[in-house]
Amino acid sequence: MANQLHVELVSVEEKVWTGEAEMLVARTTEGELGVLPGHAPLLGQLAEPSQIRIKIDGGQTLAYDVAGGFLSVTETGVTVLAESATPAESATR
């Protein structure tokens, strides 16, 4: 198994999704950002509105529409803290 990225997507009301992923893509106020295992630590503000895409094993992509919040990348993984997060219409590519 290739290196995996631990991802947590949390909204104000609940933990929306947590698990291992191959990659996470998010749109921040600085532009679109792709995070792979081993990414340098950073803190970014999510653009509004935005979408988080999580690529998991088997080529499946989970997509969530998010409003407000931050993205934190550390050596242990990625945490997305959003005001709200709901499954997007087109979740698999």
PDB file of N, CA and C in Angstrom:
ATOM      1  N   MET A   1       0.851  -1.187   0.000  1.00  0.00           N
ATOM      2  CA  MET A   1       0.000   0.000   0.000  1.00  0.00           C
ATOM      3  C   MET A   1       0.889   1.240   0.000  1.00  0.00           C
ATOM      4  N   ALA A   2       0.561   2.212  -0.816  1.00  0.00           N
ATOM      5  CA  ALA A   2       1.306   3.465  -0.883  1.00  0.00           C
ATOM      6  C   ALA A   2       1.063   4.278   0.390  1.00  0.00           C
ATOM      7  N   ASN A   3       1.892   5.297   0.570  1.00  0.00           N
ATOM      8  CA  ASN A   3       1.677   6.185   1.712  1.00  0.00           C
ATOM      9  C   ASN A   3       0.270   6.742   1.673  1.00  0.00           C
ATOM     10  N   GLN A   4      -0.312   6.853   2.853  1.00  0.00           N
ATOM     11  CA  GLN A   4      -1.668   7.389   2.960  1.00  0.00           C
ATOM     12  C   GLN A   4      -1.628   8.672   3.774  1.00  0.00           C
ATOM     13  N   LEU A   5      -2.618   9.501   3.554  1.00  0.00           N
ATOM     14  CA  LEU A   5      -2.781  10.787   4.215  1.00  0.00           C
ATOM     15  C   LEU A   5      -3.973  10.671   5.150  1.00  0.00           C
ATOM     16  N   HIS A   6      -3.784  10.952   6.438  1.00  0.00           N
ATOM     17  CA  HIS A   6      -4.922  10.917   7.362  1.00  0.00           C
ATOM     18  C   HIS A   6      -5.692  12.226   7.207  1.00  0.00           C
ATOM     19  N   VAL A   7      -7.005  12.128   6.939  1.00  0.00           N
ATOM     20  CA  VAL A   7      -7.839  13.296   6.691  1.00  0.00           C
ATOM     21  C   VAL A   7      -8.992  13.327   7.682  1.00  0.00           C
ATOM     22  N   GLU A   8      -9.249  14.502   8.240  1.00  0.00           N
ATOM     23  CA  GLU A   8     -10.437  14.734   9.065  1.00  0.00           C
ATOM     24  C   GLU A   8     -11.145  15.959   8.526  1.00  0.00           C
ATOM     25  N   LEU A   9     -12.432  15.790   8.196  1.00  0.00           N
ATOM     26  CA  LEU A   9     -13.285  16.893   7.758  1.00  0.00           C
ATOM     27  C   LEU A   9     -14.322  17.106   8.843  1.00  0.00           C
ATOM     28  N   VAL A  10     -14.270  18.272   9.469  1.00  0.00           N
ATOM     29  CA  VAL A  10     -15.117  18.554  10.627  1.00  0.00           C
ATOM     30  C   VAL A  10     -15.893  19.840  10.380  1.00  0.00           C
ATOM     31  N   SER A  11     -17.208  19.788  10.637  1.00  0.00           N
ATOM     32  CA  SER A  11     -18.019  21.001  10.580  1.00  0.00           C
ATOM     33  C   SER A  11     -18.325  21.437  12.004  1.00  0.00           C
ATOM     34  N   VAL A  12     -18.997  22.552  12.146  1.00  0.00           N
ATOM     35  CA  VAL A  12     -19.346  23.061  13.468  1.00  0.00           C
ATOM     36  C   VAL A  12     -20.175  22.044  14.245  1.00  0.00           C
ATOM     37  N   GLU A  13     -21.042  21.320  13.554  1.00  0.00           N
ATOM     38  CA  GLU A  13     -21.977  20.427  14.231  1.00  0.00           C
ATOM     39  C   GLU A  13     -21.534  18.976  14.353  1.00  0.00           C
ATOM     40  N   GLU A  14     -20.605  18.523  13.490  1.00  0.00           N
ATOM     41  CA  GLU A  14     -20.255  17.099  13.507  1.00  0.00           C
ATOM     42  C   GLU A  14     -18.948  16.816  12.782  1.00  0.00           C
ATOM     43  N   LYS A  15     -18.397  15.624  13.048  1.00  0.00           N
ATOM     44  CA  LYS A  15     -17.274  15.125  12.265  1.00  0.00           C
ATOM     45  C   LYS A  15     -17.899  14.534  11.004  1.00  0.00           C
ATOM     46  N   VAL A  16     -17.599  15.105   9.852  1.00  0.00           N
ATOM     47  CA  VAL A  16     -18.238  14.733   8.600  1.00  0.00           C
ATOM     48  C   VAL A  16     -17.596  13.487   7.996  1.00  0.00           C
ATOM     49  N   TRP A  17     -16.267  13.455   7.937  1.00  0.00           N
ATOM     50  CA  TRP A  17     -15.565  12.299   7.364  1.00  0.00           C
ATOM     51  C   TRP A  17     -14.174  12.228   7.961  1.00  0.00           C
ATOM     52  N   THR A  18     -13.735  11.022   8.238  1.00  0.00           N
ATOM     53  CA  THR A  18     -12.362  10.804   8.685  1.00  0.00           C
ATOM     54  C   THR A  18     -11.874   9.491   8.102  1.00  0.00           C
ATOM     55  N   GLY A  19     -10.620   9.459   7.708  1.00  0.00           N
ATOM     56  CA  GLY A  19     -10.073   8.239   7.147  1.00  0.00           C
ATOM     57  C   GLY A  19      -8.762   8.485   6.433  1.00  0.00           C
ATOM     58  N   GLU A  20      -8.303   7.452   5.750  1.00  0.00           N
ATOM     59  CA  GLU A  20      -7.051   7.513   5.010  1.00  0.00           C
ATOM     60  C   GLU A  20      -7.350   7.814   3.544  1.00  0.00           C
ATOM     61  N   ALA A  21      -6.526   8.654   2.944  1.00  0.00           N
ATOM     62  CA  ALA A  21      -6.738   9.065   1.560  1.00  0.00           C
ATOM     63  C   ALA A  21      -5.406   9.124   0.825  1.00  0.00           C
ATOM     64  N   GLU A  22      -5.494   9.123  -0.503  1.00  0.00           N
ATOM     65  CA  GLU A  22      -4.304   9.278  -1.333  1.00  0.00           C
ATOM     66  C   GLU A  22      -3.968  10.753  -1.514  1.00  0.00           C
ATOM     67  N   MET A  23      -5.026  11.603  -1.540  1.00  0.00           N
ATOM     68  CA  MET A  23      -4.828  13.026  -1.828  1.00  0.00           C
ATOM     69  C   MET A  23      -6.057  13.815  -1.401  1.00  0.00           C
ATOM     70  N   LEU A  24      -5.846  15.077  -1.067  1.00  0.00           N
ATOM     71  CA  LEU A  24      -6.944  15.995  -0.772  1.00  0.00           C
ATOM     72  C   LEU A  24      -6.723  17.251  -1.606  1.00  0.00           C
ATOM     73  N   VAL A  25      -7.796  17.759  -2.190  1.00  0.00           N
ATOM     74  CA  VAL A  25      -7.723  18.998  -2.964  1.00  0.00           C
ATOM     75  C   VAL A  25      -8.717  19.978  -2.361  1.00  0.00           C
ATOM     76  N   ALA A  26      -8.246  21.211  -2.111  1.00  0.00           N
ATOM     77  CA  ALA A  26      -9.107  22.247  -1.532  1.00  0.00           C
ATOM     78  C   ALA A  26      -8.814  23.574  -2.206  1.00  0.00           C
ATOM     79  N   ARG A  27      -9.820  24.454  -2.217  1.00  0.00           N
ATOM     80  CA  ARG A  27      -9.627  25.800  -2.760  1.00  0.00           C
ATOM     81  C   ARG A  27      -9.515  26.764  -1.584  1.00  0.00           C
ATOM     82  N   THR A  28      -8.354  27.393  -1.463  1.00  0.00           N
ATOM     83  CA  THR A  28      -8.124  28.358  -0.394  1.00  0.00           C
ATOM     84  C   THR A  28      -8.163  29.767  -0.980  1.00  0.00           C
ATOM     85  N   THR A  29      -8.031  30.760  -0.118  1.00  0.00           N
ATOM     86  CA  THR A  29      -8.016  32.143  -0.586  1.00  0.00           C
ATOM     87  C   THR A  29      -6.767  32.429  -1.419  1.00  0.00           C
ATOM     88  N   GLU A  30      -5.757  31.550  -1.347  1.00  0.00           N
ATOM     89  CA  GLU A  30      -4.530  31.691  -2.125  1.00  0.00           C
ATOM     90  C   GLU A  30      -4.565  30.892  -3.426  1.00  0.00           C
ATOM     91  N   GLY A  31      -5.626  30.103  -3.640  1.00  0.00           N
ATOM     92  CA  GLY A  31      -5.743  29.287  -4.844  1.00  0.00           C
ATOM     93  C   GLY A  31      -5.992  27.830  -4.501  1.00  0.00           C
ATOM     94  N   GLU A  32      -6.121  26.993  -5.543  1.00  0.00           N
ATOM     95  CA  GLU A  32      -6.381  25.569  -5.327  1.00  0.00           C
ATOM     96  C   GLU A  32      -5.114  24.884  -4.839  1.00  0.00           C
ATOM     97  N   LEU A  33      -5.284  23.972  -3.893  1.00  0.00           N
ATOM     98  CA  LEU A  33      -4.166  23.330  -3.233  1.00  0.00           C
ATOM     99  C   LEU A  33      -4.374  21.827  -3.214  1.00  0.00           C
ATOM    100  N   GLY A  34      -3.372  21.082  -3.639  1.00  0.00           N
ATOM    101  CA  GLY A  34      -3.401  19.627  -3.554  1.00  0.00           C
ATOM    102  C   GLY A  34      -2.457  19.174  -2.453  1.00  0.00           C
ATOM    103  N   VAL A  35      -2.916  18.268  -1.599  1.00  0.00           N
ATOM    104  CA  VAL A  35      -2.107  17.786  -0.483  1.00  0.00           C
ATOM    105  C   VAL A  35      -1.904  16.285  -0.627  1.00  0.00           C
ATOM    106  N   LEU A  36      -0.641  15.878  -0.681  1.00  0.00           N
ATOM    107  CA  LEU A  36      -0.244  14.476  -0.749  1.00  0.00           C
ATOM    108  C   LEU A  36       0.464  14.106   0.550  1.00  0.00           C
ATOM    109  N   PRO A  37       0.632  12.806   0.824  1.00  0.00           N
ATOM    110  CA  PRO A  37       1.395  12.417   2.010  1.00  0.00           C
ATOM    111  C   PRO A  37       2.781  13.069   1.985  1.00  0.00           C
ATOM    112  N   GLY A  38       3.231  13.578   3.137  1.00  0.00           N
ATOM    113  CA  GLY A  38       4.531  14.216   3.225  1.00  0.00           C
ATOM    114  C   GLY A  38       4.536  15.698   2.889  1.00  0.00           C
ATOM    115  N   HIS A  39       3.351  16.284   2.671  1.00  0.00           N
ATOM    116  CA  HIS A  39       3.253  17.710   2.345  1.00  0.00           C
ATOM    117  C   HIS A  39       3.802  18.550   3.495  1.00  0.00           C
ATOM    118  N   ALA A  40       4.398  19.673   3.170  1.00  0.00           N
ATOM    119  CA  ALA A  40       4.911  20.596   4.188  1.00  0.00           C
ATOM    120  C   ALA A  40       3.748  21.145   5.032  1.00  0.00           C
ATOM    121  N   PRO A  41       3.967  21.366   6.323  1.00  0.00           N
ATOM    122  CA  PRO A  41       2.926  21.929   7.180  1.00  0.00           C
ATOM    123  C   PRO A  41       2.479  23.300   6.685  1.00  0.00           C
ATOM    124  N   LEU A  42       1.178  23.575   6.800  1.00  0.00           N
ATOM    125  CA  LEU A  42       0.642  24.882   6.444  1.00  0.00           C
ATOM    126  C   LEU A  42      -0.731  25.072   7.059  1.00  0.00           C
ATOM    127  N   LEU A  43      -1.162  26.315   7.079  1.00  0.00           N
ATOM    128  CA  LEU A  43      -2.493  26.683   7.532  1.00  0.00           C
ATOM    129  C   LEU A  43      -3.076  27.583   6.462  1.00  0.00           C
ATOM    130  N   GLY A  44      -4.264  27.245   5.949  1.00  0.00           N
ATOM    131  CA  GLY A  44      -4.877  28.048   4.903  1.00  0.00           C
ATOM    132  C   GLY A  44      -6.334  28.321   5.194  1.00  0.00           C
ATOM    133  N   GLN A  45      -6.810  29.475   4.744  1.00  0.00           N
ATOM    134  CA  GLN A  45      -8.217  29.833   4.875  1.00  0.00           C
ATOM    135  C   GLN A  45      -8.953  29.355   3.633  1.00  0.00           C
ATOM    136  N   LEU A  46     -10.070  28.630   3.829  1.00  0.00           N
ATOM    137  CA  LEU A  46     -10.848  28.131   2.694  1.00  0.00           C
ATOM    138  C   LEU A  46     -11.558  29.277   1.998  1.00  0.00           C
ATOM    139  N   ALA A  47     -11.592  29.227   0.675  1.00  0.00           N
ATOM    140  CA  ALA A  47     -12.337  30.199  -0.112  1.00  0.00           C
ATOM    141  C   ALA A  47     -13.823  29.922   0.081  1.00  0.00           C
ATOM    142  N   GLU A  48     -14.657  30.942  -0.132  1.00  0.00           N
ATOM    143  CA  GLU A  48     -16.103  30.756   0.011  1.00  0.00           C
ATOM    144  C   GLU A  48     -16.802  31.086  -1.291  1.00  0.00           C
ATOM    145  N   PRO A  49     -17.700  30.261  -1.783  1.00  0.00           N
ATOM    146  CA  PRO A  49     -17.873  28.865  -1.355  1.00  0.00           C
ATOM    147  C   PRO A  49     -16.718  28.034  -1.888  1.00  0.00           C
ATOM    148  N   SER A  50     -16.576  26.850  -1.359  1.00  0.00           N
ATOM    149  CA  SER A  50     -15.468  26.002  -1.750  1.00  0.00           C
ATOM    150  C   SER A  50     -15.909  24.549  -1.799  1.00  0.00           C
ATOM    151  N   GLN A  51     -15.023  23.713  -2.307  1.00  0.00           N
ATOM    152  CA  GLN A  51     -15.289  22.280  -2.344  1.00  0.00           C
ATOM    153  C   GLN A  51     -14.016  21.544  -1.949  1.00  0.00           C
ATOM    154  N   ILE A  52     -14.173  20.533  -1.122  1.00  0.00           N
ATOM    155  CA  ILE A  52     -13.083  19.663  -0.714  1.00  0.00           C
ATOM    156  C   ILE A  52     -13.248  18.356  -1.482  1.00  0.00           C
ATOM    157  N   ARG A  53     -12.179  17.899  -2.147  1.00  0.00           N
ATOM    158  CA  ARG A  53     -12.211  16.619  -2.839  1.00  0.00           C
ATOM    159  C   ARG A  53     -11.185  15.706  -2.199  1.00  0.00           C
ATOM    160  N   ILE A  54     -11.625  14.508  -1.825  1.00  0.00           N
ATOM    161  CA  ILE A  54     -10.766  13.540  -1.163  1.00  0.00           C
ATOM    162  C   ILE A  54     -10.677  12.307  -2.054  1.00  0.00           C
ATOM    163  N   LYS A  55      -9.466  12.022  -2.536  1.00  0.00           N
ATOM    164  CA  LYS A  55      -9.261  10.846  -3.381  1.00  0.00           C
ATOM    165  C   LYS A  55      -8.863   9.684  -2.472  1.00  0.00           C
ATOM    166  N   ILE A  56      -9.671   8.620  -2.489  1.00  0.00           N
ATOM    167  CA  ILE A  56      -9.408   7.459  -1.649  1.00  0.00           C
ATOM    168  C   ILE A  56      -9.031   6.270  -2.525  1.00  0.00           C
ATOM    169  N   ASP A  57      -8.652   5.160  -1.888  1.00  0.00           N
ATOM    170  CA  ASP A  57      -8.258   3.959  -2.628  1.00  0.00           C
ATOM    171  C   ASP A  57      -9.312   3.549  -3.641  1.00  0.00           C
ATOM    172  N   GLY A  58      -8.873   2.956  -4.731  1.00  0.00           N
ATOM    173  CA  GLY A  58      -9.788   2.471  -5.752  1.00  0.00           C
ATOM    174  C   GLY A  58     -10.193   3.532  -6.755  1.00  0.00           C
ATOM    175  N   GLY A  59      -9.579   4.713  -6.689  1.00  0.00           N
ATOM    176  CA  GLY A  59      -9.902   5.768  -7.638  1.00  0.00           C
ATOM    177  C   GLY A  59     -11.159   6.546  -7.324  1.00  0.00           C
ATOM    178  N   GLN A  60     -11.808   6.262  -6.213  1.00  0.00           N
ATOM    179  CA  GLN A  60     -13.037   6.973  -5.843  1.00  0.00           C
ATOM    180  C   GLN A  60     -12.684   8.340  -5.260  1.00  0.00           C
ATOM    181  N   THR A  61     -13.502   9.347  -5.581  1.00  0.00           N
ATOM    182  CA  THR A  61     -13.322  10.690  -5.046  1.00  0.00           C
ATOM    183  C   THR A  61     -14.568  11.101  -4.290  1.00  0.00           C
ATOM    184  N   LEU A  62     -14.375  11.525  -3.044  1.00  0.00           N
ATOM    185  CA  LEU A  62     -15.466  12.066  -2.236  1.00  0.00           C
ATOM    186  C   LEU A  62     -15.390  13.579  -2.336  1.00  0.00           C
ATOM    187  N   ALA A  63     -16.526  14.227  -2.534  1.00  0.00           N
ATOM    188  CA  ALA A  63     -16.541  15.690  -2.657  1.00  0.00           C
ATOM    189  C   ALA A  63     -17.546  16.277  -1.682  1.00  0.00           C
ATOM    190  N   TYR A  64     -17.144  17.356  -1.032  1.00  0.00           N
ATOM    191  CA  TYR A  64     -17.998  18.039  -0.061  1.00  0.00           C
ATOM    192  C   TYR A  64     -17.971  19.530  -0.346  1.00  0.00           C
ATOM    193  N   ASP A  65     -19.153  20.145  -0.378  1.00  0.00           N
ATOM    194  CA  ASP A  65     -19.257  21.594  -0.487  1.00  0.00           C
ATOM    195  C   ASP A  65     -19.102  22.152   0.924  1.00  0.00           C
ATOM    196  N   VAL A  66     -18.200  23.111   1.075  1.00  0.00           N
ATOM    197  CA  VAL A  66     -17.945  23.668   2.393  1.00  0.00           C
ATOM    198  C   VAL A  66     -18.113  25.179   2.364  1.00  0.00           C
ATOM    199  N   ALA A  67     -18.464  25.726   3.513  1.00  0.00           N
ATOM    200  CA  ALA A  67     -18.588  27.173   3.673  1.00  0.00           C
ATOM    201  C   ALA A  67     -17.716  27.581   4.847  1.00  0.00           C
ATOM    202  N   GLY A  68     -16.842  28.529   4.603  1.00  0.00           N
ATOM    203  CA  GLY A  68     -15.989  29.060   5.656  1.00  0.00           C
ATOM    204  C   GLY A  68     -15.068  28.027   6.264  1.00  0.00           C
ATOM    205  N   GLY A  69     -14.042  28.482   6.929  1.00  0.00           N
ATOM    206  CA  GLY A  69     -13.194  27.577   7.664  1.00  0.00           C
ATOM    207  C   GLY A  69     -11.746  27.599   7.246  1.00  0.00           C
ATOM    208  N   PHE A  70     -11.016  26.611   7.765  1.00  0.00           N
ATOM    209  CA  PHE A  70      -9.581  26.539   7.588  1.00  0.00           C
ATOM    210  C   PHE A  70      -9.137  25.129   7.244  1.00  0.00           C
ATOM    211  N   LEU A  71      -7.951  25.037   6.698  1.00  0.00           N
ATOM    212  CA  LEU A  71      -7.305  23.780   6.358  1.00  0.00           C
ATOM    213  C   LEU A  71      -5.958  23.784   7.081  1.00  0.00           C
ATOM    214  N   SER A  72      -5.687  22.726   7.834  1.00  0.00           N
ATOM    215  CA  SER A  72      -4.431  22.612   8.557  1.00  0.00           C
ATOM    216  C   SER A  72      -3.715  21.343   8.127  1.00  0.00           C
ATOM    217  N   VAL A  73      -2.488  21.498   7.632  1.00  0.00           N
ATOM    218  CA  VAL A  73      -1.672  20.353   7.238  1.00  0.00           C
ATOM    219  C   VAL A  73      -0.534  20.242   8.246  1.00  0.00           C
ATOM    220  N   THR A  74      -0.407  19.048   8.856  1.00  0.00           N
ATOM    221  CA  THR A  74       0.686  18.778   9.785  1.00  0.00           C
ATOM    222  C   THR A  74       1.375  17.498   9.342  1.00  0.00           C
ATOM    223  N   GLU A  75       2.409  17.103  10.061  1.00  0.00           N
ATOM    224  CA  GLU A  75       3.103  15.862   9.724  1.00  0.00           C
ATOM    225  C   GLU A  75       2.224  14.635   9.935  1.00  0.00           C
ATOM    226  N   THR A  76       1.129  14.778  10.709  1.00  0.00           N
ATOM    227  CA  THR A  76       0.241  13.640  10.953  1.00  0.00           C
ATOM    228  C   THR A  76      -0.939  13.576   9.989  1.00  0.00           C
ATOM    229  N   GLY A  77      -1.183  14.615   9.187  1.00  0.00           N
ATOM    230  CA  GLY A  77      -2.282  14.586   8.236  1.00  0.00           C
ATOM    231  C   GLY A  77      -2.892  15.946   7.987  1.00  0.00           C
ATOM    232  N   VAL A  78      -4.142  15.928   7.520  1.00  0.00           N
ATOM    233  CA  VAL A  78      -4.862  17.151   7.165  1.00  0.00           C
ATOM    234  C   VAL A  78      -6.158  17.222   7.966  1.00  0.00           C
ATOM    235  N   THR A  79      -6.426  18.385   8.524  1.00  0.00           N
ATOM    236  CA  THR A  79      -7.702  18.633   9.187  1.00  0.00           C
ATOM    237  C   THR A  79      -8.362  19.815   8.497  1.00  0.00           C
ATOM    238  N   VAL A  80      -9.622  19.638   8.102  1.00  0.00           N
ATOM    239  CA  VAL A  80     -10.408  20.716   7.519  1.00  0.00           C
ATOM    240  C   VAL A  80     -11.487  21.081   8.536  1.00  0.00           C
ATOM    241  N   LEU A  81     -11.457  22.322   9.007  1.00  0.00           N
ATOM    242  CA  LEU A  81     -12.452  22.821   9.952  1.00  0.00           C
ATOM    243  C   LEU A  81     -13.340  23.792   9.196  1.00  0.00           C
ATOM    244  N   ALA A  82     -14.588  23.392   8.946  1.00  0.00           N
ATOM    245  CA  ALA A  82     -15.499  24.205   8.145  1.00  0.00           C
ATOM    246  C   ALA A  82     -16.732  24.590   8.952  1.00  0.00           C
ATOM    247  N   GLU A  83     -17.327  25.728   8.604  1.00  0.00           N
ATOM    248  CA  GLU A  83     -18.581  26.120   9.249  1.00  0.00           C
ATOM    249  C   GLU A  83     -19.677  25.130   8.885  1.00  0.00           C
ATOM    250  N   SER A  84     -19.705  24.706   7.619  1.00  0.00           N
ATOM    251  CA  SER A  84     -20.652  23.676   7.194  1.00  0.00           C
ATOM    252  C   SER A  84     -20.010  22.845   6.091  1.00  0.00           C
ATOM    253  N   ALA A  85     -20.415  21.589   6.005  1.00  0.00           N
ATOM    254  CA  ALA A  85     -19.903  20.681   4.970  1.00  0.00           C
ATOM    255  C   ALA A  85     -21.012  19.694   4.600  1.00  0.00           C
ATOM    256  N   THR A  86     -21.352  19.658   3.309  1.00  0.00           N
ATOM    257  CA  THR A  86     -22.382  18.737   2.829  1.00  0.00           C
ATOM    258  C   THR A  86     -21.859  18.009   1.592  1.00  0.00           C
ATOM    259  N   PRO A  87     -22.286  16.757   1.411  1.00  0.00           N
ATOM    260  CA  PRO A  87     -21.838  16.013   0.216  1.00  0.00           C
ATOM    261  C   PRO A  87     -22.198  16.768  -1.063  1.00  0.00           C
ATOM    262  N   ALA A  88     -21.275  16.816  -1.996  1.00  0.00           N
ATOM    263  CA  ALA A  88     -21.500  17.509  -3.268  1.00  0.00           C
ATOM    264  C   ALA A  88     -22.263  16.590  -4.219  1.00  0.00           C
ATOM    265  N   GLU A  89     -22.868  17.177  -5.229  1.00  0.00           N
ATOM    266  CA  GLU A  89     -23.640  16.426  -6.209  1.00  0.00           C
ATOM    267  C   GLU A  89     -22.794  15.400  -6.952  1.00  0.00           C
ATOM    268  N   SER A  90     -21.650  15.825  -7.475  1.00  0.00           N
ATOM    269  CA  SER A  90     -20.788  14.910  -8.253  1.00  0.00           C
ATOM    270  C   SER A  90     -19.631  14.455  -7.398  1.00  0.00           C
ATOM    271  N   ALA A  91     -19.798  13.315  -6.721  1.00  0.00           N
ATOM    272  CA  ALA A  91     -18.805  12.852  -5.766  1.00  0.00           C
ATOM    273  C   ALA A  91     -17.780  11.900  -6.364  1.00  0.00           C
ATOM    274  N   THR A  92     -18.024  11.307  -7.511  1.00  0.00           N
ATOM    275  CA  THR A  92     -17.067  10.372  -8.083  1.00  0.00           C
ATOM    276  C   THR A  92     -16.698  10.797  -9.495  1.00  0.00           C
ATOM    277  N   ARG A  93     -15.419  10.738  -9.786  1.00  0.00           N
ATOM    278  CA  ARG A  93     -14.962  11.109 -11.134  1.00  0.00           C
ATOM    279  C   ARG A  93     -14.535   9.896 -11.868  1.00  0.00           C
TER     280      ARG A  93
END
